[in-house]
């Protein structure tokens, strides 16, 4: 009888095994691809619907595409969790958990809009709708923390802060320059920010 032993798999081996389509060298390929696809889908739809859809058809298109983007954010948060991008302490893990809940609730708001269920005369829907901007602001603060923590290296250390500044850039442009300028900035920022971040995430190694 032959007895053989093999070493326990490294974390990158486990990541590859649990992420179909990825490789041991790049275990976050799927995560990055979903983020990029969501950002491009929302930017593309927004180019036609505007930042404030006025018809039922444009509202559905806006909601579906922005929902895909929000799913991409969940994949990004999973990457941040697994790479401990914010740090190794309990606070860092708690922040990511809270942000994941905020994004999930924002998805609920988006689904309500797409299905035509949202009623802004009801307090519950008003509170749920607030998680859209709150979740985006949370992502911006997380981007700052990634840069400060320095656990991601090179361009990936600072690009999350660039990508996740979408809300803090678009909303002031809307307030100062109006819908047309905000429309252009919102679409361009998604492509330059989150779509590129997805590519960077897909190339990350453990």
Protein backbone atom coordinates (compact mmCIF):
# COMPACT_ATOMS: atom_id res chain seq x y z
CA UNK A 1 0.00 0.00 0.00
CA UNK A 2 1.37 3.41 -1.01
CA UNK A 3 0.75 6.43 1.14
CA UNK A 4 1.26 9.79 -0.52
CA UNK A 5 0.86 13.28 0.84
CA UNK A 6 0.19 16.50 -0.99
CA UNK A 7 0.40 20.03 0.40
CA UNK A 8 -2.74 21.95 1.25
CA UNK A 9 -3.88 24.22 -1.56
CA UNK A 10 -2.77 27.82 -1.42
CA UNK A 11 -5.38 30.57 -1.14
CA UNK A 12 -5.01 31.31 -4.84
CA UNK A 13 -5.76 27.64 -5.62
CA UNK A 14 -8.94 27.82 -3.58
CA UNK A 15 -9.93 31.08 -5.25
CA UNK A 16 -9.48 29.55 -8.68
CA UNK A 17 -11.51 26.51 -7.71
CA UNK A 18 -14.42 28.64 -6.51
CA UNK A 19 -14.38 31.11 -9.42
CA UNK A 20 -15.26 29.39 -12.73
CA UNK A 21 -13.52 31.02 -15.65
CA UNK A 22 -10.60 32.25 -13.57
CA UNK A 23 -7.09 30.87 -13.26
CA UNK A 24 -4.74 30.30 -10.31
CA UNK A 25 -2.70 33.27 -11.49
CA UNK A 26 -5.70 35.57 -11.95
CA UNK A 27 -8.46 34.37 -9.60
CA UNK A 28 -10.55 37.53 -9.99
CA UNK A 29 -11.10 37.42 -13.74
CA UNK A 30 -14.84 36.86 -13.38
CA UNK A 31 -15.18 39.52 -10.68
CA UNK A 32 -13.53 42.14 -12.87
CA UNK A 33 -15.45 41.11 -15.98
CA UNK A 34 -18.80 41.49 -14.20
CA UNK A 35 -17.82 44.93 -12.91
CA UNK A 36 -16.71 46.11 -16.35
CA UNK A 37 -19.78 44.68 -18.06
CA UNK A 38 -22.09 46.34 -15.55
CA UNK A 39 -20.39 49.73 -15.87
CA UNK A 40 -20.48 49.61 -19.68
CA UNK A 41 -24.11 48.45 -19.70
CA UNK A 42 -25.21 51.33 -17.48
CA UNK A 43 -23.14 53.90 -19.37
CA UNK A 44 -24.52 52.65 -22.69
CA UNK A 45 -28.12 52.70 -21.52
CA UNK A 46 -27.70 56.09 -19.86
CA UNK A 47 -26.36 57.53 -23.11
CA UNK A 48 -29.86 56.99 -24.56
CA UNK A 49 -32.11 57.36 -21.50
CA UNK A 50 -30.39 60.30 -19.82
CA UNK A 51 -29.75 60.46 -16.09
CA UNK A 52 -33.46 60.97 -15.34
CA UNK A 53 -35.58 58.64 -17.56
CA UNK A 54 -38.95 60.09 -18.47
CA UNK A 55 -40.79 57.19 -20.11
CA UNK A 56 -41.63 53.68 -18.95
CA UNK A 57 -39.38 52.08 -21.57
CA UNK A 58 -36.37 54.22 -20.68
CA UNK A 59 -37.00 53.61 -16.96
CA UNK A 60 -36.88 49.85 -17.51
CA UNK A 61 -33.68 50.12 -19.57
CA UNK A 62 -32.11 52.39 -16.97
CA UNK A 63 -33.10 50.09 -14.10
CA UNK A 64 -31.89 46.88 -15.76
CA UNK A 65 -28.53 48.36 -16.72
CA UNK A 66 -27.96 50.12 -13.40
CA UNK A 67 -28.95 46.90 -11.63
CA UNK A 68 -26.23 45.07 -13.56
CA UNK A 69 -23.80 47.75 -12.44
CA UNK A 70 -24.83 47.27 -8.82
CA UNK A 71 -24.27 43.52 -9.14
CA UNK A 72 -20.79 44.40 -10.38
CA UNK A 73 -20.28 46.39 -7.19
CA UNK A 74 -21.05 43.27 -5.16
CA UNK A 75 -18.38 41.40 -7.11
CA UNK A 76 -15.96 44.25 -6.42
CA UNK A 77 -16.76 44.12 -2.70
CA UNK A 78 -16.13 40.36 -2.73
CA UNK A 79 -12.72 41.01 -4.27
CA UNK A 80 -11.95 43.63 -1.63
CA UNK A 81 -12.97 41.15 1.07
CA UNK A 82 -10.84 38.30 -0.24
CA UNK A 83 -7.77 40.46 -0.82
CA UNK A 84 -8.23 42.31 2.50
CA UNK A 85 -7.83 45.56 0.57
CA UNK A 86 -9.08 47.71 3.46
CA UNK A 87 -6.99 45.95 6.09
CA UNK A 88 -7.14 42.81 8.20
CA UNK A 89 -9.01 44.12 11.23
CA UNK A 90 -12.62 43.70 12.32
CA UNK A 91 -13.50 47.27 11.36
CA UNK A 92 -12.40 46.71 7.76
CA UNK A 93 -14.53 43.57 7.53
CA UNK A 94 -17.49 45.33 9.15
CA UNK A 95 -17.30 48.20 6.66
CA UNK A 96 -17.41 45.79 3.73
CA UNK A 97 -20.36 43.94 5.23
CA UNK A 98 -22.28 47.17 5.79
CA UNK A 99 -21.54 48.37 2.27
CA UNK A 100 -22.67 45.04 0.80
CA UNK A 101 -25.99 45.41 2.64
CA UNK A 102 -26.34 49.00 1.39
CA UNK A 103 -25.71 47.92 -2.21
CA UNK A 104 -28.18 45.04 -1.86
CA UNK A 105 -30.85 47.46 -0.61
CA UNK A 106 -30.01 49.82 -3.48
CA UNK A 107 -30.60 46.90 -5.85
CA UNK A 108 -34.00 46.49 -4.21
CA UNK A 109 -34.76 50.13 -4.97
CA UNK A 110 -33.62 49.69 -8.56
CA UNK A 111 -35.79 46.60 -8.96
CA UNK A 112 -38.76 48.52 -7.61
CA UNK A 113 -38.20 51.26 -10.19
CA UNK A 114 -37.87 48.78 -13.02
CA UNK A 115 -41.03 46.93 -12.03
CA UNK A 116 -42.98 50.13 -11.57
CA UNK A 117 -43.58 49.48 -7.88
CA UNK A 118 -41.83 52.49 -6.41
CA UNK A 119 -44.16 54.91 -4.66
CA UNK A 120 -42.34 57.96 -3.35
CA UNK A 121 -45.42 58.92 -1.34
CA UNK A 122 -44.62 56.03 1.01
CA UNK A 123 -41.89 56.34 3.63
CA UNK A 124 -40.59 52.82 3.02
CA UNK A 125 -39.85 53.52 -0.63
CA UNK A 126 -38.26 56.86 0.21
CA UNK A 127 -35.91 55.19 2.69
CA UNK A 128 -35.10 52.40 0.26
CA UNK A 129 -34.35 54.92 -2.50
CA UNK A 130 -31.85 56.65 -0.21
CA UNK A 131 -29.60 53.59 -0.33
CA UNK A 132 -28.69 54.39 -3.94
CA UNK A 133 -26.72 57.56 -3.09
CA UNK A 134 -25.68 56.19 0.31
CA UNK A 135 -24.15 53.08 -1.26
CA UNK A 136 -22.29 55.16 -3.85
CA UNK A 137 -20.94 57.47 -1.15
CA UNK A 138 -19.87 54.41 0.80
CA UNK A 139 -17.96 53.13 -2.23
CA UNK A 140 -16.15 56.47 -2.47
CA UNK A 141 -15.06 56.28 1.16
CA UNK A 142 -13.92 52.71 0.59
CA UNK A 143 -11.86 53.90 -2.38
CA UNK A 144 -10.10 56.40 -0.13
CA UNK A 145 -9.44 53.69 2.44
CA UNK A 146 -7.92 51.40 -0.19
CA UNK A 147 -5.46 54.15 -1.15
CA UNK A 148 -4.60 54.85 2.50
CA UNK A 149 -4.19 51.17 3.44
CA UNK A 150 -1.81 50.58 0.55
CA UNK A 151 -2.45 46.84 0.41
CA UNK A 152 -3.23 47.08 -3.31
CA UNK A 153 -0.14 48.19 -5.19
CA UNK A 154 0.57 50.26 -8.27
CA UNK A 155 -2.30 51.81 -10.19
CA UNK A 156 -4.83 49.57 -8.40
CA UNK A 157 -4.06 51.35 -5.15
CA UNK A 158 -5.52 54.63 -6.41
CA UNK A 159 -7.87 53.71 -9.27
CA UNK A 160 -10.70 52.57 -6.94
CA UNK A 161 -10.77 56.10 -5.52
CA UNK A 162 -10.99 57.49 -9.07
CA UNK A 163 -13.76 55.07 -10.09
CA UNK A 164 -15.73 55.37 -6.89
CA UNK A 165 -15.81 59.16 -7.05
CA UNK A 166 -18.66 58.84 -9.60
CA UNK A 167 -21.32 60.26 -7.29
CA UNK A 168 -19.19 63.02 -5.77
CA UNK A 169 -18.26 64.18 -9.29
CA UNK A 170 -21.57 63.74 -11.13
CA UNK A 171 -23.92 65.26 -8.53
CA UNK A 172 -22.04 68.60 -8.23
CA UNK A 173 -21.83 68.81 -12.04
CA UNK A 174 -25.58 68.27 -12.18
CA UNK A 175 -26.19 70.99 -9.59
CA UNK A 176 -23.87 73.55 -11.19
CA UNK A 177 -24.03 72.86 -14.93
CA UNK A 178 -27.34 71.06 -15.40
CA UNK A 179 -28.57 67.82 -16.95
CA UNK A 180 -26.65 67.93 -20.24
CA UNK A 181 -23.21 68.30 -18.68
CA UNK A 182 -24.01 65.79 -15.93
CA UNK A 183 -25.23 63.31 -18.57
CA UNK A 184 -21.90 63.44 -20.40
CA UNK A 185 -19.83 63.30 -17.21
CA UNK A 186 -21.86 60.41 -15.77
CA UNK A 187 -21.43 58.22 -18.84
CA UNK A 188 -17.76 59.07 -19.37
CA UNK A 189 -16.90 58.61 -15.70
CA UNK A 190 -18.39 55.10 -15.65
CA UNK A 191 -16.26 54.07 -18.62
CA UNK A 192 -13.03 55.69 -17.43
CA UNK A 193 -13.60 54.75 -13.80
CA UNK A 194 -15.47 51.53 -13.08
CA UNK A 195 -15.03 49.86 -16.47
CA UNK A 196 -11.26 50.30 -16.27
CA UNK A 197 -11.27 49.25 -12.61
CA UNK A 198 -12.93 46.00 -13.66
CA UNK A 199 -10.08 45.32 -16.06
CA UNK A 200 -7.55 46.01 -13.30
CA UNK A 201 -9.42 43.73 -10.90
CA UNK A 202 -9.49 40.91 -13.46
CA UNK A 203 -5.70 41.07 -13.68
CA UNK A 204 -5.10 40.99 -9.93
CA UNK A 205 -3.20 38.14 -8.35
CA UNK A 206 -3.59 36.76 -4.83
